[in-house]
C-alpha atoms as a PDB file:
ATOM      1  CA  UNK A   1      60.970  31.800  93.554  1.00  0.00           C
ATOM      2  CA  UNK A   2      57.957  31.366  91.284  1.00  0.00           C
ATOM      3  CA  UNK A   3      55.650  34.218  90.453  1.00  0.00           C
ATOM      4  CA  UNK A   4      52.098  33.273  89.499  1.00  0.00           C
ATOM      5  CA  UNK A   5      49.746  35.712  87.803  1.00  0.00           C
ATOM      6  CA  UNK A   6      46.114  34.814  87.174  1.00  0.00           C
ATOM      7  CA  UNK A   7      43.974  36.475  84.558  1.00  0.00           C
ATOM      8  CA  UNK A   8      40.680  35.987  82.774  1.00  0.00           C
ATOM      9  CA  UNK A   9      38.249  36.580  85.585  1.00  0.00           C
ATOM     10  CA  UNK A  10      35.160  38.702  85.170  1.00  0.00           C
ATOM     11  CA  UNK A  11      31.396  38.829  85.191  1.00  0.00           C
ATOM     12  CA  UNK A  12      29.401  36.173  83.379  1.00  0.00           C
ATOM     13  CA  UNK A  13      25.780  35.066  83.347  1.00  0.00           C
ATOM     14  CA  UNK A  14      24.571  31.737  84.667  1.00  0.00           C
ATOM     15  CA  UNK A  15      25.319  29.023  82.151  1.00  0.00           C
ATOM     16  CA  UNK A  16      28.168  30.959  80.618  1.00  0.00           C
ATOM     17  CA  UNK A  17      31.842  30.148  80.321  1.00  0.00           C
ATOM     18  CA  UNK A  18      35.155  31.664  81.288  1.00  0.00           C
ATOM     19  CA  UNK A  19      38.759  30.616  80.873  1.00  0.00           C
ATOM     20  CA  UNK A  20      41.240  31.558  83.523  1.00  0.00           C
ATOM     21  CA  UNK A  21      44.953  31.596  82.880  1.00  0.00           C
ATOM     22  CA  UNK A  22      47.827  31.407  85.318  1.00  0.00           C
ATOM     23  CA  UNK A  23      51.209  32.412  83.974  1.00  0.00           C
ATOM     24  CA  UNK A  24      54.276  31.320  85.892  1.00  0.00           C
ATOM     25  CA  UNK A  25      57.749  32.758  85.881  1.00  0.00           C
ATOM     26  CA  UNK A  26      60.823  31.606  87.636  1.00  0.00           C
ATOM     27  CA  UNK A  27      61.921  28.049  87.970  1.00  0.00           C
ATOM     28  CA  UNK A  28      61.059  25.121  85.740  1.00  0.00           C
ATOM     29  CA  UNK A  29      57.301  25.137  85.347  1.00  0.00           C
ATOM     30  CA  UNK A  30      57.147  21.518  84.278  1.00  0.00           C
ATOM     31  CA  UNK A  31      58.405  20.404  87.706  1.00  0.00           C
ATOM     32  CA  UNK A  32      55.320  21.772  89.412  1.00  0.00           C
ATOM     33  CA  UNK A  33      51.910  20.303  89.951  1.00  0.00           C
ATOM     34  CA  UNK A  34      49.502  23.178  89.446  1.00  0.00           C
ATOM     35  CA  UNK A  35      46.348  23.614  91.430  1.00  0.00           C
ATOM     36  CA  UNK A  36      43.307  25.851  91.313  1.00  0.00           C
ATOM     37  CA  UNK A  37      41.466  26.927  94.427  1.00  0.00           C
ATOM     38  CA  UNK A  38      38.680  29.365  95.134  1.00  0.00           C
ATOM     39  CA  UNK A  39      37.455  31.302  98.120  1.00  0.00           C
ATOM     40  CA  UNK A  40      34.507  33.466  99.042  1.00  0.00           C
ATOM     41  CA  UNK A  41      34.335  35.769 102.079  1.00  0.00           C
ATOM     42  CA  UNK A  42      33.599  33.887 105.267  1.00  0.00           C
ATOM     43  CA  UNK A  43      34.211  30.491 103.729  1.00  0.00           C
ATOM     44  CA  UNK A  44      37.162  28.153 103.698  1.00  0.00           C
ATOM     45  CA  UNK A  45      39.289  27.894 100.648  1.00  0.00           C
ATOM     46  CA  UNK A  46      37.924  25.233  98.319  1.00  0.00           C
ATOM     47  CA  UNK A  47      39.919  22.894  96.120  1.00  0.00           C
ATOM     48  CA  UNK A  48      38.870  23.226  92.498  1.00  0.00           C
ATOM     49  CA  UNK A  49      41.316  20.923  90.781  1.00  0.00           C
ATOM     50  CA  UNK A  50      44.886  20.173  89.858  1.00  0.00           C
ATOM     51  CA  UNK A  51      47.062  18.943  87.042  1.00  0.00           C
ATOM     52  CA  UNK A  52      50.127  16.882  87.835  1.00  0.00           C
ATOM     53  CA  UNK A  53      53.621  17.848  86.870  1.00  0.00           C
ATOM     54  CA  UNK A  54      54.609  14.609  85.155  1.00  0.00           C
ATOM     55  CA  UNK A  55      51.648  12.770  83.641  1.00  0.00           C
ATOM     56  CA  UNK A  56      49.329  15.721  83.267  1.00  0.00           C
ATOM     57  CA  UNK A  57      46.601  13.847  85.088  1.00  0.00           C
ATOM     58  CA  UNK A  58      43.790  16.014  86.363  1.00  0.00           C
ATOM     59  CA  UNK A  59      41.682  15.801  89.499  1.00  0.00           C
ATOM     60  CA  UNK A  60      38.664  17.901  90.386  1.00  0.00           C
ATOM     61  CA  UNK A  61      36.566  18.834  93.332  1.00  0.00           C
ATOM     62  CA  UNK A  62      33.090  17.346  93.351  1.00  0.00           C
ATOM     63  CA  UNK A  63      31.378  20.702  92.918  1.00  0.00           C
ATOM     64  CA  UNK A  64      33.061  21.371  89.564  1.00  0.00           C
ATOM     65  CA  UNK A  65      33.540  17.894  88.171  1.00  0.00           C
ATOM     66  CA  UNK A  66      32.209  17.640  84.640  1.00  0.00           C
ATOM     67  CA  UNK A  67      32.030  21.419  84.186  1.00  0.00           C
ATOM     68  CA  UNK A  68      35.605  22.603  84.680  1.00  0.00           C
ATOM     69  CA  UNK A  69      38.715  21.482  82.829  1.00  0.00           C
ATOM     70  CA  UNK A  70      42.341  22.127  83.727  1.00  0.00           C
ATOM     71  CA  UNK A  71      45.102  22.058  81.160  1.00  0.00           C
ATOM     72  CA  UNK A  72      48.677  23.226  80.974  1.00  0.00           C
ATOM     73  CA  UNK A  73      51.107  24.437  78.359  1.00  0.00           C
ATOM     74  CA  UNK A  74      54.612  23.874  79.657  1.00  0.00           C
ATOM     75  CA  UNK A  75      56.147  25.735  76.725  1.00  0.00           C
ATOM     76  CA  UNK A  76      54.245  28.838  77.800  1.00  0.00           C
ATOM     77  CA  UNK A  77      54.547  28.111  81.543  1.00  0.00           C
ATOM     78  CA  UNK A  78      50.811  28.556  81.810  1.00  0.00           C
ATOM     79  CA  UNK A  79      47.980  26.584  83.341  1.00  0.00           C
ATOM     80  CA  UNK A  80      44.361  27.085  82.341  1.00  0.00           C
ATOM     81  CA  UNK A  81      41.017  26.609  83.997  1.00  0.00           C
ATOM     82  CA  UNK A  82      38.167  26.275  81.539  1.00  0.00           C
ATOM     83  CA  UNK A  83      34.873  26.828  83.303  1.00  0.00           C
ATOM     84  CA  UNK A  84      31.584  25.934  81.657  1.00  0.00           C
ATOM     85  CA  UNK A  85      27.963  25.853  82.775  1.00  0.00           C
ATOM     86  CA  UNK A  86      28.768  28.405  85.422  1.00  0.00           C
ATOM     87  CA  UNK A  87      26.483  28.807  88.396  1.00  0.00           C
ATOM     88  CA  UNK A  88      26.099  31.666  90.887  1.00  0.00           C
ATOM     89  CA  UNK A  89      27.721  29.462  93.519  1.00  0.00           C
ATOM     90  CA  UNK A  90      30.891  29.456  91.424  1.00  0.00           C
ATOM     91  CA  UNK A  91      31.327  33.117  92.306  1.00  0.00           C
ATOM     92  CA  UNK A  92      34.636  33.451  94.145  1.00  0.00           C
ATOM     93  CA  UNK A  93      38.192  34.607  93.937  1.00  0.00           C
ATOM     94  CA  UNK A  94      40.124  31.971  92.053  1.00  0.00           C
ATOM     95  CA  UNK A  95      43.743  31.276  92.875  1.00  0.00           C
ATOM     96  CA  UNK A  96      46.337  29.169  91.161  1.00  0.00           C
ATOM     97  CA  UNK A  97      49.085  27.507  93.137  1.00  0.00           C
ATOM     98  CA  UNK A  98      52.291  25.632  92.365  1.00  0.00           C
ATOM     99  CA  UNK A  99      53.595  22.603  94.196  1.00  0.00           C
ATOM    100  CA  UNK A 100      57.110  21.442  93.487  1.00  0.00           C
ATOM    101  CA  UNK A 101      57.126  17.723  92.777  1.00  0.00           C
ATOM    102  CA  UNK A 102      59.026  17.008  96.017  1.00  0.00           C
ATOM    103  CA  UNK A 103      56.798  19.187  98.161  1.00  0.00           C
ATOM    104  CA  UNK A 104      53.957  18.050 100.357  1.00  0.00           C
ATOM    105  CA  UNK A 105      52.120  21.324 100.048  1.00  0.00           C
ATOM    106  CA  UNK A 106      51.753  24.203  97.638  1.00  0.00           C
ATOM    107  CA  UNK A 107      54.799  26.418  97.594  1.00  0.00           C
ATOM    108  CA  UNK A 108      53.576  29.443  95.647  1.00  0.00           C
ATOM    109  CA  UNK A 109      50.265  31.203  95.196  1.00  0.00           C
ATOM    110  CA  UNK A 110      48.940  33.780  92.800  1.00  0.00           C
ATOM    111  CA  UNK A 111      47.126  36.939  93.793  1.00  0.00           C
ATOM    112  CA  UNK A 112      43.755  35.670  92.628  1.00  0.00           C
ATOM    113  CA  UNK A 113      41.202  36.740  90.059  1.00  0.00           C
ATOM    114  CA  UNK A 114      37.545  37.466  90.725  1.00  0.00           C
ATOM    115  CA  UNK A 115      34.864  35.436  89.003  1.00  0.00           C
ATOM    116  CA  UNK A 116      31.282  36.598  89.399  1.00  0.00           C
ATOM    117  CA  UNK A 117      28.354  34.632  88.014  1.00  0.00           C
ATOM    118  CA  UNK A 118      25.096  36.541  87.871  1.00  0.00           C
ATOM    119  CA  UNK A 119      21.751  34.801  88.160  1.00  0.00           C
END
């Protein structure tokens, strides 16, 4: 079992920045690809990005590419989402998720943290 806890959400003005953190406990963090997703009421969950378990490669959704950066610190069992040049449309609940390297889908999800970007 892996417990994921997001933090760092809040209210920010358009053009501002926030850094979200997702702390993991449980099994070996380094064996998990970590993903970030977001969701707003009435909309489907949107892929934000991920960082792979082995190479640390990152991949991003088109809507955040060039503005958001994912990193991880395996020693701290934490993954980060650095968000810059925030827009009102980035307003959502942000979730981190963990996918074991042998899994086809994400195995564990955090409870989410609210990000609100005011215009």
